[in-house]
Amino acid sequence: MTDQPAPERPGRKRSEDSRMAILAAASELTAEVGYAGLTIEGIAARSGAGKTTIYRWWPSKADVLLDALATKADLYVPVSDEGSYPADLSAFLTASFALGRDPQVAEVLCALMAEAQINPEFGKRFRASFLRNRRDALGVILDRAQARGDLPPGLPPATVADIVFGTLWYRLLATREPLDQRLADDLVSALAGTPCDPR
């Protein structure tokens, strides 16, 4: 994240177990009570951590969720080399859309995007530490394809990223249509020039 937590006092090391418990508690509570009902007090009670600990590591409940979301995306969305641009892109989109179909994740994504529109300071952190991170992950795939020589000519990488994430956010926020495998396959077909299964 671009906003780093305040330096801790000597002897008070941040526990990774405690951090993960707080992130899990925040995600679970958002699914149960919604973003509006989420409180630092609730996160503290669910995770067993103190409120002061949470505030020392994150400036707001939105930032706790932002960390949770970024951690989950890094864990579940691959940028591994599958041997070709279509295969790499398909793996990335399949995993991204599967994560976006998770109701708990979708709730957090929508809540944070909404918060980013009304809270300029949080919006900066959201763009820098989540949106940019996801674009950079896709950028690894695009750079690899360019180096291999199998990136189709025409669309610049930035436009490919706009199409991928624009589609994802449009379905999440506007139409609520499913982020299904057919959509992932259609995007691979359009962006990588592979034959489209008419289904």
Protein backbone atom coordinates (compact mmCIF):
# COMPACT_ATOMS: atom_id res chain seq x y z
CA MET A 1 0.00 0.00 0.00
CA THR A 2 1.16 3.52 -0.57
CA ASP A 3 0.06 4.60 2.91
CA GLN A 4 2.28 2.65 5.24
CA PRO A 5 1.22 2.11 8.86
CA ALA A 6 2.88 4.29 11.45
CA PRO A 7 6.18 2.84 12.70
CA GLU A 8 5.66 0.56 15.64
CA ARG A 9 7.40 1.04 18.94
CA PRO A 10 10.45 -1.11 19.64
CA GLY A 11 9.46 -4.55 20.82
CA ARG A 12 5.98 -4.46 19.23
CA LYS A 13 6.39 -6.50 16.07
CA ARG A 14 3.45 -6.96 13.74
CA SER A 15 2.28 -10.57 14.00
CA GLU A 16 1.41 -12.15 10.65
CA ASP A 17 -1.01 -14.53 12.39
CA SER A 18 -2.80 -11.58 14.00
CA ARG A 19 -2.86 -9.71 10.68
CA MET A 20 -4.43 -12.66 8.87
CA ALA A 21 -7.00 -13.12 11.65
CA ILE A 22 -7.99 -9.45 11.34
CA LEU A 23 -8.25 -9.65 7.55
CA ALA A 24 -10.38 -12.81 7.73
CA ALA A 25 -12.63 -11.26 10.38
CA ALA A 26 -13.17 -8.13 8.29
CA SER A 27 -14.10 -10.15 5.19
CA GLU A 28 -16.44 -12.47 7.10
CA LEU A 29 -18.22 -9.60 8.86
CA THR A 30 -18.70 -7.69 5.63
CA ALA A 31 -20.45 -10.74 4.17
CA GLU A 32 -22.63 -11.00 7.28
CA VAL A 33 -23.53 -7.37 8.05
CA GLY A 34 -22.53 -5.46 4.93
CA TYR A 35 -19.98 -2.70 4.61
CA ALA A 36 -22.20 -0.14 6.35
CA GLY A 37 -22.52 -2.42 9.38
CA LEU A 38 -18.81 -3.20 9.57
CA THR A 39 -16.94 -1.57 12.46
CA ILE A 40 -13.43 -1.68 13.83
CA GLU A 41 -14.99 -2.78 17.12
CA GLY A 42 -16.62 -5.73 15.37
CA ILE A 43 -13.40 -6.69 13.61
CA ALA A 44 -11.53 -6.54 16.92
CA ALA A 45 -14.10 -8.71 18.68
CA ARG A 46 -14.20 -11.30 15.88
CA SER A 47 -10.42 -11.50 15.43
CA GLY A 48 -9.41 -11.29 19.07
CA ALA A 49 -7.17 -8.29 18.34
CA GLY A 50 -7.33 -4.97 20.12
CA LYS A 51 -8.79 -1.87 18.47
CA THR A 52 -5.52 -0.04 19.05
CA THR A 53 -3.66 -2.78 17.17
CA ILE A 54 -6.00 -2.47 14.19
CA TYR A 55 -5.74 1.33 14.10
CA ARG A 56 -1.97 1.11 14.41
CA TRP A 57 -1.81 -1.02 11.24
CA TRP A 58 -4.67 0.45 9.15
CA PRO A 59 -6.23 3.94 9.13
CA SER A 60 -9.82 2.75 8.53
CA LYS A 61 -12.10 -0.26 8.06
CA ALA A 62 -11.87 0.29 4.30
CA ASP A 63 -8.10 -0.12 4.48
CA VAL A 64 -8.44 -3.38 6.40
CA LEU A 65 -10.70 -4.70 3.64
CA LEU A 66 -8.34 -3.35 0.99
CA ASP A 67 -5.47 -5.35 2.49
CA ALA A 68 -7.69 -8.43 2.69
CA LEU A 69 -8.74 -8.11 -0.93
CA ALA A 70 -5.22 -7.50 -2.24
CA THR A 71 -3.88 -10.47 -0.27
CA LYS A 72 -6.58 -12.78 -1.64
CA ALA A 73 -6.05 -11.60 -5.24
CA ASP A 74 -2.30 -12.19 -4.98
CA LEU A 75 -2.92 -15.69 -3.64
CA TYR A 76 -5.59 -16.85 -6.08
CA VAL A 77 -4.91 -15.13 -9.41
CA PRO A 78 -1.92 -16.66 -11.25
CA VAL A 79 0.58 -14.99 -13.54
CA SER A 80 2.44 -18.24 -14.18
CA ASP A 81 3.77 -19.09 -17.65
CA GLU A 82 1.30 -21.46 -19.32
CA GLY A 83 3.27 -21.53 -22.58
CA SER A 84 1.31 -19.07 -24.71
CA TYR A 85 -0.48 -15.76 -24.48
CA PRO A 86 -3.97 -17.27 -24.89
CA ALA A 87 -3.26 -19.85 -22.19
CA ASP A 88 -1.76 -17.26 -19.81
CA LEU A 89 -4.67 -14.87 -20.38
CA SER A 90 -7.23 -17.64 -19.96
CA ALA A 91 -5.71 -18.73 -16.62
CA PHE A 92 -5.64 -15.13 -15.38
CA LEU A 93 -9.22 -14.38 -16.42
CA THR A 94 -10.61 -17.71 -15.21
CA ALA A 95 -9.10 -17.18 -11.74
CA SER A 96 -10.03 -13.47 -11.61
CA PHE A 97 -13.64 -14.14 -12.53
CA ALA A 98 -13.90 -17.10 -10.16
CA LEU A 99 -12.75 -14.82 -7.36
CA GLY A 100 -15.19 -12.12 -8.46
CA ARG A 101 -18.07 -14.64 -8.37
CA ASP A 102 -17.42 -15.32 -4.69
CA PRO A 103 -20.25 -13.36 -2.98
CA GLN A 104 -17.96 -12.36 -0.10
CA VAL A 105 -15.32 -11.00 -2.47
CA ALA A 106 -17.91 -9.28 -4.68
CA GLU A 107 -19.39 -7.53 -1.65
CA VAL A 108 -15.98 -6.20 -0.66
CA LEU A 109 -15.09 -5.14 -4.21
CA CYS A 110 -18.30 -3.16 -4.61
CA ALA A 111 -18.01 -1.58 -1.15
CA LEU A 112 -14.44 -0.46 -1.71
CA MET A 113 -15.14 0.94 -5.16
CA ALA A 114 -18.02 2.94 -3.67
CA GLU A 115 -15.85 4.17 -0.79
CA ALA A 116 -13.15 5.21 -3.26
CA GLN A 117 -15.64 7.52 -4.99
CA ILE A 118 -16.58 9.45 -1.85
CA ASN A 119 -13.29 9.36 0.07
CA PRO A 120 -10.51 10.93 -2.02
CA GLU A 121 -7.68 9.83 0.27
CA PHE A 122 -8.86 6.24 0.37
CA GLY A 123 -9.47 6.42 -3.37
CA LYS A 124 -5.77 7.17 -3.90
CA ARG A 125 -4.78 4.17 -1.80
CA PHE A 126 -7.32 1.92 -3.56
CA ARG A 127 -6.03 2.87 -6.99
CA ALA A 128 -2.38 2.60 -6.00
CA SER A 129 -2.43 -0.61 -4.01
CA PHE A 130 -5.23 -2.64 -5.58
CA LEU A 131 -6.24 -1.44 -9.04
CA ARG A 132 -2.64 -0.75 -10.06
CA ASN A 133 -1.48 -4.05 -8.57
CA ARG A 134 -4.06 -5.98 -10.61
CA ARG A 135 -3.09 -4.12 -13.81
CA ASP A 136 0.57 -4.84 -13.08
CA ALA A 137 -0.24 -8.56 -12.68
CA LEU A 138 -1.90 -8.58 -16.10
CA GLY A 139 1.05 -6.55 -17.37
CA VAL A 140 3.37 -9.46 -16.51
CA ILE A 141 1.35 -11.64 -18.89
CA LEU A 142 1.33 -9.01 -21.63
CA ASP A 143 5.08 -8.35 -21.30
CA ARG A 144 5.78 -12.08 -21.47
CA ALA A 145 3.65 -12.43 -24.59
CA GLN A 146 5.44 -9.50 -26.19
CA ALA A 147 8.81 -11.07 -25.41
CA ARG A 148 7.67 -14.42 -26.86
CA GLY A 149 6.29 -12.71 -29.95
CA ASP A 150 2.75 -14.05 -29.54
CA LEU A 151 1.04 -10.81 -28.47
CA PRO A 152 -1.37 -9.92 -31.30
CA PRO A 153 -0.72 -6.55 -32.96
CA GLY A 154 -3.23 -3.75 -32.73
CA LEU A 155 -4.29 -3.07 -29.16
CA PRO A 156 -1.71 -1.52 -26.82
CA PRO A 157 -1.33 -3.30 -23.46
CA ALA A 158 -3.02 -0.44 -21.58
CA THR A 159 -6.15 -0.86 -23.72
CA VAL A 160 -6.15 -4.62 -23.14
CA ALA A 161 -6.10 -3.94 -19.40
CA ASP A 162 -8.93 -1.40 -19.75
CA ILE A 163 -11.04 -3.97 -21.62
CA VAL A 164 -10.37 -6.75 -19.09
CA PHE A 165 -10.97 -4.71 -15.95
CA GLY A 166 -13.65 -2.52 -17.50
CA THR A 167 -15.63 -5.68 -18.29
CA LEU A 168 -15.11 -7.05 -14.79
CA TRP A 169 -16.17 -3.85 -13.02
CA TYR A 170 -19.12 -3.24 -15.37
CA ARG A 171 -20.57 -6.63 -14.52
CA LEU A 172 -19.88 -6.25 -10.80
CA LEU A 173 -21.22 -2.73 -10.41
CA ALA A 174 -23.74 -2.17 -13.19
CA THR A 175 -25.39 -5.24 -14.71
CA ARG A 176 -24.64 -7.84 -12.04
CA GLU A 177 -24.41 -10.34 -14.90
CA PRO A 178 -22.26 -13.37 -14.00
CA LEU A 179 -18.49 -13.35 -14.34
CA ASP A 180 -18.64 -16.79 -15.89
CA GLN A 181 -16.29 -18.95 -17.90
CA ARG A 182 -18.05 -18.07 -21.13
CA LEU A 183 -17.18 -14.41 -20.59
CA ALA A 184 -13.56 -15.33 -19.87
CA ASP A 185 -13.43 -17.43 -23.05
CA ASP A 186 -14.99 -14.65 -25.12
CA LEU A 187 -12.42 -12.15 -23.87
CA VAL A 188 -9.56 -14.52 -24.66
CA SER A 189 -11.00 -14.97 -28.14
CA ALA A 190 -11.31 -11.21 -28.67
CA LEU A 191 -7.97 -10.23 -27.17
CA ALA A 192 -5.75 -13.16 -28.16
CA GLY A 193 -7.26 -13.92 -31.55
CA THR A 194 -8.28 -17.48 -30.71
CA PRO A 195 -11.34 -19.11 -32.31
CA CYS A 196 -14.54 -18.42 -30.41
CA ASP A 197 -16.70 -21.36 -29.31
CA PRO A 198 -20.22 -20.38 -30.46
CA ARG A 199 -21.88 -22.51 -27.77
